[in-house]
Amino acid sequence: MRVNGAKPRLALARPVHHPLSDTVRKAGWEAVPYAFTRLQPSILPPPIPLASASAVLLLSPSGARVAASRLPAGTLCLVQGLGTAEALGREDLEIILPSEARAEALWGLLQERFPDGGGFVLARGERSREYLEEAAKGTAWRIHPWITHREAPREPFPPMPEVEGVLALSPLQAEILAPLSHSLLRFAWGEGTARAFAKAGVPVHGHCEPKPSLLWAMLAQYLTQETLC
């Protein structure tokens, strides 16, 4: 698929030099930054005193940025990925990363690090997929969710750039993009995001589990299919 001989343009809510934008380019697309949502910090306090938790779990850079100033020095933090660790911006915390930047890998690390269980504060967004809470139900690992932030549309809302496709990175982004993307290609980062597109009445042209390697494969395969057609 080419537009007048040029790479097709794909809008996503990440800066031009973000790793996901790099992945889009490696897959043969032009990554077009489109910042149409914003981070809205929550004023909710932690569900239990942070000093009494066995560890604090952090799923995203957004949650890390909100929680960073509240964490006592020396807090053990299990974080989902390198970007989340960097977003903490603290050198006085004990930070451990799983082998992969996935909630499933974080759950494995939690069990390995605390084989007897414990009580853990999970800093996450309002609409995170709740994998860890579900996995820990009825086990010795007690997860206490701390809603640190929510994603909200920007005000004023920016116009859609000239692109051939959009990549939604969350269910909210899919809900926002659905009515704006009827004539565009739609790709979803995660099954929940794909469901949000479908619920809004517009199917996706592709979706992948939230891993950069799978995003690359999905976008590259789509271009190959279009070329063959």
Protein backbone atom coordinates (compact mmCIF):
# COMPACT_ATOMS: atom_id res chain seq x y z
CA MET A 1 0.00 0.00 0.00
CA ARG A 2 1.45 3.33 -1.08
CA VAL A 3 -0.04 6.78 -1.44
CA ASN A 4 1.38 8.41 -4.58
CA GLY A 5 4.52 6.33 -4.06
CA ALA A 6 4.94 7.45 -0.44
CA LYS A 7 4.55 5.45 2.74
CA PRO A 8 1.01 5.43 4.19
CA ARG A 9 0.61 7.73 7.19
CA LEU A 10 -0.58 6.37 10.54
CA ALA A 11 -1.71 8.64 13.37
CA LEU A 12 -0.96 7.60 16.95
CA ALA A 13 -0.87 9.37 20.31
CA ARG A 14 2.89 9.17 20.78
CA PRO A 15 5.76 11.61 20.06
CA VAL A 16 7.75 11.17 16.86
CA HIS A 17 10.73 9.65 18.69
CA HIS A 18 8.73 7.32 20.96
CA PRO A 19 9.61 3.59 20.67
CA LEU A 20 6.13 2.81 19.31
CA SER A 21 6.56 5.46 16.63
CA ASP A 22 9.88 3.81 15.75
CA THR A 23 8.07 0.47 15.46
CA VAL A 24 5.50 1.99 13.10
CA ARG A 25 8.29 3.32 10.88
CA LYS A 26 10.15 -0.01 10.88
CA ALA A 27 6.92 -1.66 9.69
CA GLY A 28 6.90 0.58 6.60
CA TRP A 29 4.54 3.36 7.70
CA GLU A 30 5.04 7.05 8.42
CA ALA A 31 4.29 7.71 12.11
CA VAL A 32 2.23 10.88 12.59
CA PRO A 33 2.02 12.15 16.20
CA TYR A 34 -1.56 12.99 17.19
CA ALA A 35 -1.90 14.07 20.83
CA PHE A 36 -5.68 14.02 21.22
CA THR A 37 -5.87 12.79 24.84
CA ARG A 38 -4.36 14.07 28.06
CA LEU A 39 -3.43 12.67 31.45
CA GLN A 40 -5.78 13.68 34.24
CA PRO A 41 -4.21 12.86 37.64
CA SER A 42 -6.45 11.49 40.37
CA ILE A 43 -6.63 12.92 43.88
CA LEU A 44 -7.43 9.50 45.38
CA PRO A 45 -5.06 8.44 48.19
CA PRO A 46 -3.37 5.02 48.14
CA PRO A 47 -5.75 2.26 49.31
CA ILE A 48 -3.34 1.23 52.08
CA PRO A 49 -0.32 3.05 53.55
CA LEU A 50 2.48 2.72 51.00
CA ALA A 51 5.02 1.99 53.71
CA SER A 52 3.03 -1.10 54.76
CA ALA A 53 2.89 -2.63 51.27
CA SER A 54 5.25 -5.47 50.35
CA ALA A 55 5.87 -3.62 47.07
CA VAL A 56 4.30 -1.12 44.71
CA LEU A 57 3.38 -2.31 41.21
CA LEU A 58 3.41 0.19 38.34
CA LEU A 59 1.99 -0.52 34.89
CA SER A 60 2.65 2.63 32.87
CA PRO A 61 4.74 5.82 32.68
CA SER A 62 1.59 7.86 33.37
CA GLY A 63 0.94 6.07 36.64
CA ALA A 64 4.62 6.28 37.56
CA ARG A 65 4.72 10.04 37.05
CA VAL A 66 1.68 10.55 39.29
CA ALA A 67 2.83 8.14 42.01
CA ALA A 68 6.52 9.12 42.08
CA SER A 69 6.27 11.95 44.59
CA ARG A 70 4.18 9.83 46.97
CA LEU A 71 6.53 6.87 47.27
CA PRO A 72 8.68 6.67 50.44
CA ALA A 73 12.43 6.41 49.86
CA GLY A 74 13.52 2.82 49.54
CA THR A 75 10.15 1.58 48.25
CA LEU A 76 10.43 -1.65 46.27
CA CYS A 77 8.79 -1.02 42.89
CA LEU A 78 7.98 -3.75 40.38
CA VAL A 79 7.46 -1.91 37.09
CA GLN A 80 6.15 -3.26 33.81
CA GLY A 81 8.74 -1.73 31.49
CA LEU A 82 11.80 0.47 31.13
CA GLY A 83 9.76 3.53 30.16
CA THR A 84 7.77 3.20 33.38
CA ALA A 85 10.98 2.91 35.40
CA GLU A 86 12.41 6.02 33.74
CA ALA A 87 9.19 7.95 34.39
CA LEU A 88 9.63 7.50 38.15
CA GLY A 89 12.71 9.74 37.97
CA ARG A 90 13.90 8.60 41.41
CA GLU A 91 17.26 7.16 42.42
CA ASP A 92 16.20 6.33 45.98
CA LEU A 93 13.76 3.55 44.99
CA GLU A 94 14.47 -0.15 44.48
CA ILE A 95 13.21 -0.83 40.94
CA ILE A 96 12.85 -4.28 39.41
CA LEU A 97 11.64 -5.07 35.88
CA PRO A 98 10.23 -8.35 34.52
CA SER A 99 11.73 -10.11 31.52
CA GLU A 100 9.06 -8.63 29.24
CA ALA A 101 7.06 -5.40 29.40
CA ARG A 102 3.76 -7.19 29.92
CA ALA A 103 1.35 -7.54 32.85
CA GLU A 104 1.67 -11.33 32.54
CA ALA A 105 5.43 -11.11 33.05
CA LEU A 106 4.94 -8.73 35.97
CA TRP A 107 2.64 -11.29 37.61
CA GLY A 108 5.33 -13.94 37.18
CA LEU A 109 7.94 -11.65 38.72
CA LEU A 110 5.65 -10.92 41.67
CA GLN A 111 5.21 -14.62 42.40
CA GLU A 112 8.95 -15.26 42.04
CA ARG A 113 9.95 -12.35 44.25
CA PHE A 114 7.31 -13.01 46.91
CA PRO A 115 6.66 -16.77 46.91
CA ASP A 116 4.63 -16.54 50.13
CA GLY A 117 2.39 -13.73 48.90
CA GLY A 118 1.83 -10.37 50.55
CA GLY A 119 -0.05 -7.11 50.18
CA PHE A 120 0.71 -4.94 47.14
CA VAL A 121 -0.38 -1.53 45.91
CA LEU A 122 -1.07 -1.47 42.17
CA ALA A 123 -0.83 2.01 40.65
CA ARG A 124 -2.85 2.02 37.42
CA GLY A 125 -5.12 4.02 35.16
CA GLU A 126 -8.88 4.15 35.56
CA ARG A 127 -9.51 1.86 32.59
CA SER A 128 -6.57 -0.54 32.76
CA ARG A 129 -7.51 -4.10 31.87
CA GLU A 130 -7.26 -5.37 35.49
CA TYR A 131 -5.20 -8.42 34.58
CA LEU A 132 -3.26 -8.49 37.85
CA GLU A 133 -6.37 -8.12 40.00
CA GLU A 134 -8.03 -11.03 38.22
CA ALA A 135 -4.92 -13.21 38.31
CA ALA A 136 -4.47 -12.65 42.05
CA LYS A 137 -8.06 -13.37 43.11
CA GLY A 138 -8.22 -16.07 45.78
CA THR A 139 -4.42 -16.24 46.12
CA ALA A 140 -1.91 -15.18 48.77
CA TRP A 141 -1.01 -12.11 46.67
CA ARG A 142 -3.41 -9.36 47.76
CA ILE A 143 -3.63 -6.60 45.14
CA HIS A 144 -4.88 -3.17 46.27
CA PRO A 145 -5.62 -1.01 43.18
CA TRP A 146 -4.70 2.67 43.36
CA ILE A 147 -6.29 4.66 40.53
CA THR A 148 -3.64 7.31 39.90
CA HIS A 149 -4.95 8.81 36.66
CA ARG A 150 -7.42 8.69 33.83
CA GLU A 151 -7.17 9.45 30.15
CA ALA A 152 -9.40 12.25 28.86
CA PRO A 153 -9.93 14.01 25.51
CA ARG A 154 -7.93 17.18 24.99
CA GLU A 155 -9.74 20.49 25.14
CA PRO A 156 -9.87 22.10 22.67
CA PHE A 157 -9.86 18.93 20.62
CA PRO A 158 -7.20 18.92 17.87
CA PRO A 159 -8.24 18.23 14.25
CA MET A 160 -7.36 14.88 12.71
CA PRO A 161 -4.15 15.11 10.66
CA GLU A 162 -4.08 14.00 7.03
CA VAL A 163 -3.46 10.28 7.36
CA GLU A 164 -4.50 6.98 5.85
CA GLY A 165 -4.93 5.19 9.16
CA VAL A 166 -5.12 5.49 12.94
CA LEU A 167 -3.71 3.38 15.77
CA ALA A 168 -5.73 3.44 19.00
CA LEU A 169 -3.69 2.58 22.08
CA SER A 170 -6.55 2.34 24.59
CA PRO A 171 -10.33 1.73 24.61
CA LEU A 172 -10.96 5.43 25.23
CA GLN A 173 -8.85 6.36 22.20
CA ALA A 174 -10.87 3.90 20.11
CA GLU A 175 -14.13 5.47 21.30
CA ILE A 176 -12.85 8.92 20.38
CA LEU A 177 -11.40 7.89 17.02
CA ALA A 178 -14.35 5.74 15.90
CA PRO A 179 -16.56 8.55 14.56
CA LEU A 180 -13.54 10.34 13.05
CA SER A 181 -12.14 7.36 11.16
CA HIS A 182 -14.91 5.98 8.95
CA SER A 183 -12.85 6.49 5.80
CA LEU A 184 -9.53 5.47 7.41
CA LEU A 185 -7.77 2.26 8.31
CA ARG A 186 -8.18 1.39 11.99
CA PHE A 187 -5.69 -0.59 14.06
CA ALA A 188 -5.97 -1.45 17.75
CA TRP A 189 -3.33 -2.05 20.45
CA GLY A 190 -4.95 -4.77 22.55
CA GLU A 191 -8.14 -6.79 22.36
CA GLY A 192 -10.04 -4.40 24.63
CA THR A 193 -9.25 -1.53 22.27
CA ALA A 194 -10.50 -3.57 19.30
CA ARG A 195 -13.72 -4.30 21.17
CA ALA A 196 -14.20 -0.59 21.84
CA PHE A 197 -13.98 0.12 18.08
CA ALA A 198 -16.51 -2.65 17.38
CA LYS A 199 -18.87 -1.41 20.09
CA ALA A 200 -18.77 2.03 18.44
CA GLY A 201 -19.89 0.43 15.18
CA VAL A 202 -16.62 0.45 13.23
CA PRO A 203 -14.57 -2.76 12.90
CA VAL A 204 -10.78 -2.72 12.94
CA HIS A 205 -8.52 -3.66 10.06
CA GLY A 206 -6.14 -5.30 12.50
CA HIS A 207 -5.39 -5.63 16.19
CA CYS A 208 -2.53 -7.11 18.22
CA GLU A 209 -1.64 -7.86 21.79
CA PRO A 210 0.22 -4.93 23.39
CA LYS A 211 3.76 -5.87 22.37
CA PRO A 212 5.88 -3.79 19.96
CA SER A 213 7.00 -6.89 18.06
CA LEU A 214 3.38 -7.86 17.40
CA LEU A 215 2.52 -4.31 16.36
CA TRP A 216 5.35 -4.43 13.83
CA ALA A 217 4.13 -7.78 12.50
CA MET A 218 0.53 -6.58 12.16
CA LEU A 219 1.39 -3.37 10.30
CA ALA A 220 4.03 -4.96 8.08
CA GLN A 221 1.69 -7.82 7.19
CA TYR A 222 -1.09 -5.41 6.26
CA LEU A 223 1.22 -3.61 3.83
CA THR A 224 2.32 -6.92 2.33
CA GLN A 225 -1.29 -8.04 1.83
CA GLU A 226 -2.19 -4.75 0.17
CA THR A 227 0.83 -4.99 -2.14
CA LEU A 228 -0.12 -8.51 -3.17
CA CYS A 229 -3.68 -7.42 -3.86
